[in-house]
Amino acid sequence: MPKIHCPDCSRDIGMHELEGKTTTVRSGGFSTRYRCPFCRTDMDNITDYLV
């Protein structure tokens, strides 16, 4: 299973551990932000942090 490397606390996070928040965008789409459960850092694009 892929893991995400947090850019702030440098911990490896399982995909199931990430906290996600999806909101609607004015253009009619959706935007999802992910948060590290350890240091609470927000990440917009988690593909940048795949380990």
PDB file of N, CA and C in Angstrom:
ATOM      1  N   MET A   1       0.855  -1.180   0.000  1.00  0.00           N
ATOM      2  CA  MET A   1       0.000   0.000   0.000  1.00  0.00           C
ATOM      3  C   MET A   1       0.902   1.245   0.000  1.00  0.00           C
ATOM      4  N   PRO A   2       0.608   2.223  -0.863  1.00  0.00           N
ATOM      5  CA  PRO A   2       1.446   3.429  -0.914  1.00  0.00           C
ATOM      6  C   PRO A   2       1.335   4.242   0.371  1.00  0.00           C
ATOM      7  N   LYS A   3       2.408   4.933   0.655  1.00  0.00           N
ATOM      8  CA  LYS A   3       2.440   5.820   1.820  1.00  0.00           C
ATOM      9  C   LYS A   3       2.740   7.236   1.356  1.00  0.00           C
ATOM     10  N   ILE A   4       2.363   8.185   2.179  1.00  0.00           N
ATOM     11  CA  ILE A   4       2.606   9.601   1.927  1.00  0.00           C
ATOM     12  C   ILE A   4       3.659  10.076   2.916  1.00  0.00           C
ATOM     13  N   HIS A   5       4.657  10.800   2.446  1.00  0.00           N
ATOM     14  CA  HIS A   5       5.708  11.345   3.302  1.00  0.00           C
ATOM     15  C   HIS A   5       5.350  12.792   3.637  1.00  0.00           C
ATOM     16  N   CYS A   6       5.068  13.065   4.901  1.00  0.00           N
ATOM     17  CA  CYS A   6       4.687  14.413   5.315  1.00  0.00           C
ATOM     18  C   CYS A   6       5.875  15.362   5.150  1.00  0.00           C
ATOM     19  N   PRO A   7       5.683  16.491   4.464  1.00  0.00           N
ATOM     20  CA  PRO A   7       6.779  17.432   4.249  1.00  0.00           C
ATOM     21  C   PRO A   7       7.214  18.164   5.523  1.00  0.00           C
ATOM     22  N   ASP A   8       6.366  18.233   6.529  1.00  0.00           N
ATOM     23  CA  ASP A   8       6.712  18.962   7.751  1.00  0.00           C
ATOM     24  C   ASP A   8       7.295  18.078   8.852  1.00  0.00           C
ATOM     25  N   CYS A   9       6.621  16.987   9.189  1.00  0.00           N
ATOM     26  CA  CYS A   9       7.107  16.160  10.295  1.00  0.00           C
ATOM     27  C   CYS A   9       7.922  14.957   9.818  1.00  0.00           C
ATOM     28  N   SER A  10       8.009  14.756   8.501  1.00  0.00           N
ATOM     29  CA  SER A  10       8.813  13.692   7.884  1.00  0.00           C
ATOM     30  C   SER A  10       8.370  12.278   8.244  1.00  0.00           C
ATOM     31  N   ARG A  11       7.146  12.120   8.663  1.00  0.00           N
ATOM     32  CA  ARG A  11       6.626  10.787   8.957  1.00  0.00           C
ATOM     33  C   ARG A  11       5.976  10.209   7.708  1.00  0.00           C
ATOM     34  N   ASP A  12       6.005   8.901   7.595  1.00  0.00           N
ATOM     35  CA  ASP A  12       5.311   8.217   6.514  1.00  0.00           C
ATOM     36  C   ASP A  12       3.907   7.862   6.999  1.00  0.00           C
ATOM     37  N   ILE A  13       2.914   8.253   6.225  1.00  0.00           N
ATOM     38  CA  ILE A  13       1.516   8.118   6.613  1.00  0.00           C
ATOM     39  C   ILE A  13       0.829   7.165   5.646  1.00  0.00           C
ATOM     40  N   GLY A  14       0.094   6.215   6.160  1.00  0.00           N
ATOM     41  CA  GLY A  14      -0.701   5.329   5.315  1.00  0.00           C
ATOM     42  C   GLY A  14      -1.866   6.105   4.719  1.00  0.00           C
ATOM     43  N   MET A  15      -2.279   5.727   3.531  1.00  0.00           N
ATOM     44  CA  MET A  15      -3.393   6.415   2.869  1.00  0.00           C
ATOM     45  C   MET A  15      -4.645   6.413   3.750  1.00  0.00           C
ATOM     46  N   HIS A  16      -4.852   5.340   4.487  1.00  0.00           N
ATOM     47  CA  HIS A  16      -6.036   5.241   5.344  1.00  0.00           C
ATOM     48  C   HIS A  16      -5.948   6.148   6.571  1.00  0.00           C
ATOM     49  N   GLU A  17      -4.754   6.655   6.885  1.00  0.00           N
ATOM     50  CA  GLU A  17      -4.578   7.525   8.043  1.00  0.00           C
ATOM     51  C   GLU A  17      -4.806   9.004   7.729  1.00  0.00           C
ATOM     52  N   LEU A  18      -4.735   9.367   6.447  1.00  0.00           N
ATOM     53  CA  LEU A  18      -4.912  10.769   6.065  1.00  0.00           C
ATOM     54  C   LEU A  18      -6.318  11.250   6.386  1.00  0.00           C
ATOM     55  N   GLU A  19      -6.405  12.493   6.809  1.00  0.00           N
ATOM     56  CA  GLU A  19      -7.701  13.123   7.015  1.00  0.00           C
ATOM     57  C   GLU A  19      -7.999  13.927   5.754  1.00  0.00           C
ATOM     58  N   GLY A  20      -9.148  13.713   5.158  1.00  0.00           N
ATOM     59  CA  GLY A  20      -9.503  14.413   3.935  1.00  0.00           C
ATOM     60  C   GLY A  20     -10.685  15.338   4.140  1.00  0.00           C
ATOM     61  N   LYS A  21     -10.656  16.459   3.420  1.00  0.00           N
ATOM     62  CA  LYS A  21     -11.772  17.400   3.474  1.00  0.00           C
ATOM     63  C   LYS A  21     -12.083  17.827   2.044  1.00  0.00           C
ATOM     64  N   THR A  22     -13.280  17.528   1.588  1.00  0.00           N
ATOM     65  CA  THR A  22     -13.701  17.870   0.238  1.00  0.00           C
ATOM     66  C   THR A  22     -14.689  19.021   0.296  1.00  0.00           C
ATOM     67  N   THR A  23     -14.449  20.039  -0.519  1.00  0.00           N
ATOM     68  CA  THR A  23     -15.342  21.187  -0.589  1.00  0.00           C
ATOM     69  C   THR A  23     -15.714  21.441  -2.046  1.00  0.00           C
ATOM     70  N   THR A  24     -16.832  22.114  -2.246  1.00  0.00           N
ATOM     71  CA  THR A  24     -17.233  22.472  -3.601  1.00  0.00           C
ATOM     72  C   THR A  24     -16.522  23.748  -4.016  1.00  0.00           C
ATOM     73  N   VAL A  25     -16.274  23.855  -5.313  1.00  0.00           N
ATOM     74  CA  VAL A  25     -15.586  25.015  -5.877  1.00  0.00           C
ATOM     75  C   VAL A  25     -16.592  25.787  -6.719  1.00  0.00           C
ATOM     76  N   ARG A  26     -16.412  27.082  -6.813  1.00  0.00           N
ATOM     77  CA  ARG A  26     -17.358  27.924  -7.559  1.00  0.00           C
ATOM     78  C   ARG A  26     -17.572  27.469  -8.994  1.00  0.00           C
ATOM     79  N   SER A  27     -16.552  26.894  -9.596  1.00  0.00           N
ATOM     80  CA  SER A  27     -16.669  26.460 -10.989  1.00  0.00           C
ATOM     81  C   SER A  27     -17.536  25.206 -11.130  1.00  0.00           C
ATOM     82  N   GLY A  28     -18.039  24.689 -10.023  1.00  0.00           N
ATOM     83  CA  GLY A  28     -18.912  23.533 -10.075  1.00  0.00           C
ATOM     84  C   GLY A  28     -18.226  22.215  -9.782  1.00  0.00           C
ATOM     85  N   GLY A  29     -16.932  22.240  -9.505  1.00  0.00           N
ATOM     86  CA  GLY A  29     -16.199  21.009  -9.215  1.00  0.00           C
ATOM     87  C   GLY A  29     -15.990  20.819  -7.723  1.00  0.00           C
ATOM     88  N   PHE A  30     -15.018  19.994  -7.414  1.00  0.00           N
ATOM     89  CA  PHE A  30     -14.695  19.708  -6.027  1.00  0.00           C
ATOM     90  C   PHE A  30     -13.203  19.898  -5.797  1.00  0.00           C
ATOM     91  N   SER A  31     -12.847  20.211  -4.568  1.00  0.00           N
ATOM     92  CA  SER A  31     -11.446  20.340  -4.169  1.00  0.00           C
ATOM     93  C   SER A  31     -11.257  19.535  -2.891  1.00  0.00           C
ATOM     94  N   THR A  32     -10.227  18.696  -2.871  1.00  0.00           N
ATOM     95  CA  THR A  32      -9.962  17.881  -1.689  1.00  0.00           C
ATOM     96  C   THR A  32      -8.590  18.228  -1.129  1.00  0.00           C
ATOM     97  N   ARG A  33      -8.535  18.486   0.163  1.00  0.00           N
ATOM     98  CA  ARG A  33      -7.281  18.735   0.863  1.00  0.00           C
ATOM     99  C   ARG A  33      -7.085  17.599   1.845  1.00  0.00           C
ATOM    100  N   TYR A  34      -5.843  17.240   2.041  1.00  0.00           N
ATOM    101  CA  TYR A  34      -5.510  16.154   2.963  1.00  0.00           C
ATOM    102  C   TYR A  34      -4.680  16.718   4.101  1.00  0.00           C
ATOM    103  N   ARG A  35      -4.808  16.108   5.282  1.00  0.00           N
ATOM    104  CA  ARG A  35      -4.112  16.607   6.465  1.00  0.00           C
ATOM    105  C   ARG A  35      -3.382  15.468   7.155  1.00  0.00           C
ATOM    106  N   CYS A  36      -2.146  15.748   7.562  1.00  0.00           N
ATOM    107  CA  CYS A  36      -1.359  14.794   8.329  1.00  0.00           C
ATOM    108  C   CYS A  36      -1.995  14.633   9.712  1.00  0.00           C
ATOM    109  N   PRO A  37      -2.246  13.401  10.150  1.00  0.00           N
ATOM    110  CA  PRO A  37      -2.872  13.208  11.458  1.00  0.00           C
ATOM    111  C   PRO A  37      -1.917  13.470  12.620  1.00  0.00           C
ATOM    112  N   PHE A  38      -0.627  13.591  12.346  1.00  0.00           N
ATOM    113  CA  PHE A  38       0.356  13.787  13.412  1.00  0.00           C
ATOM    114  C   PHE A  38       0.656  15.261  13.672  1.00  0.00           C
ATOM    115  N   CYS A  39       0.951  16.032  12.600  1.00  0.00           N
ATOM    116  CA  CYS A  39       1.328  17.434  12.796  1.00  0.00           C
ATOM    117  C   CYS A  39       0.290  18.406  12.246  1.00  0.00           C
ATOM    118  N   ARG A  40      -0.775  17.871  11.619  1.00  0.00           N
ATOM    119  CA  ARG A  40      -1.899  18.665  11.105  1.00  0.00           C
ATOM    120  C   ARG A  40      -1.549  19.524   9.885  1.00  0.00           C
ATOM    121  N   THR A  41      -0.479  19.208   9.170  1.00  0.00           N
ATOM    122  CA  THR A  41      -0.098  19.936   7.966  1.00  0.00           C
ATOM    123  C   THR A  41      -1.068  19.612   6.832  1.00  0.00           C
ATOM    124  N   ASP A  42      -1.527  20.641   6.118  1.00  0.00           N
ATOM    125  CA  ASP A  42      -2.406  20.453   4.968  1.00  0.00           C
ATOM    126  C   ASP A  42      -1.584  20.209   3.712  1.00  0.00           C
ATOM    127  N   MET A  43      -2.056  19.287   2.875  1.00  0.00           N
ATOM    128  CA  MET A  43      -1.404  18.979   1.601  1.00  0.00           C
ATOM    129  C   MET A  43      -2.467  19.002   0.517  1.00  0.00           C
ATOM    130  N   ASP A  44      -2.251  19.810  -0.514  1.00  0.00           N
ATOM    131  CA  ASP A  44      -3.212  19.897  -1.612  1.00  0.00           C
ATOM    132  C   ASP A  44      -3.072  18.728  -2.570  1.00  0.00           C
ATOM    133  N   ASN A  45      -1.860  18.403  -2.954  1.00  0.00           N
ATOM    134  CA  ASN A  45      -1.619  17.366  -3.950  1.00  0.00           C
ATOM    135  C   ASN A  45      -0.739  16.285  -3.329  1.00  0.00           C
ATOM    136  N   ILE A  46      -1.351  15.207  -2.863  1.00  0.00           N
ATOM    137  CA  ILE A  46      -0.577  14.179  -2.169  1.00  0.00           C
ATOM    138  C   ILE A  46       0.311  13.368  -3.099  1.00  0.00           C
ATOM    139  N   THR A  47       0.072  13.438  -4.399  1.00  0.00           N
ATOM    140  CA  THR A  47       0.937  12.683  -5.321  1.00  0.00           C
ATOM    141  C   THR A  47       2.362  13.205  -5.292  1.00  0.00           C
ATOM    142  N   ASP A  48       2.543  14.450  -4.861  1.00  0.00           N
ATOM    143  CA  ASP A  48       3.887  15.014  -4.726  1.00  0.00           C
ATOM    144  C   ASP A  48       4.660  14.354  -3.593  1.00  0.00           C
ATOM    145  N   TYR A  49       3.966  13.712  -2.668  1.00  0.00           N
ATOM    146  CA  TYR A  49       4.587  13.174  -1.456  1.00  0.00           C
ATOM    147  C   TYR A  49       4.537  11.652  -1.354  1.00  0.00           C
ATOM    148  N   LEU A  50       4.190  10.984  -2.447  1.00  0.00           N
ATOM    149  CA  LEU A  50       4.154   9.513  -2.422  1.00  0.00           C
ATOM    150  C   LEU A  50       5.543   8.938  -2.187  1.00  0.00           C
ATOM    151  N   VAL A  51       5.598   7.911  -1.352  1.00  0.00           N
ATOM    152  CA  VAL A  51       6.880   7.252  -1.047  1.00  0.00           C
ATOM    153  C   VAL A  51       6.955   5.956  -1.833  1.00  0.00           C
TER     154      VAL A  51
END
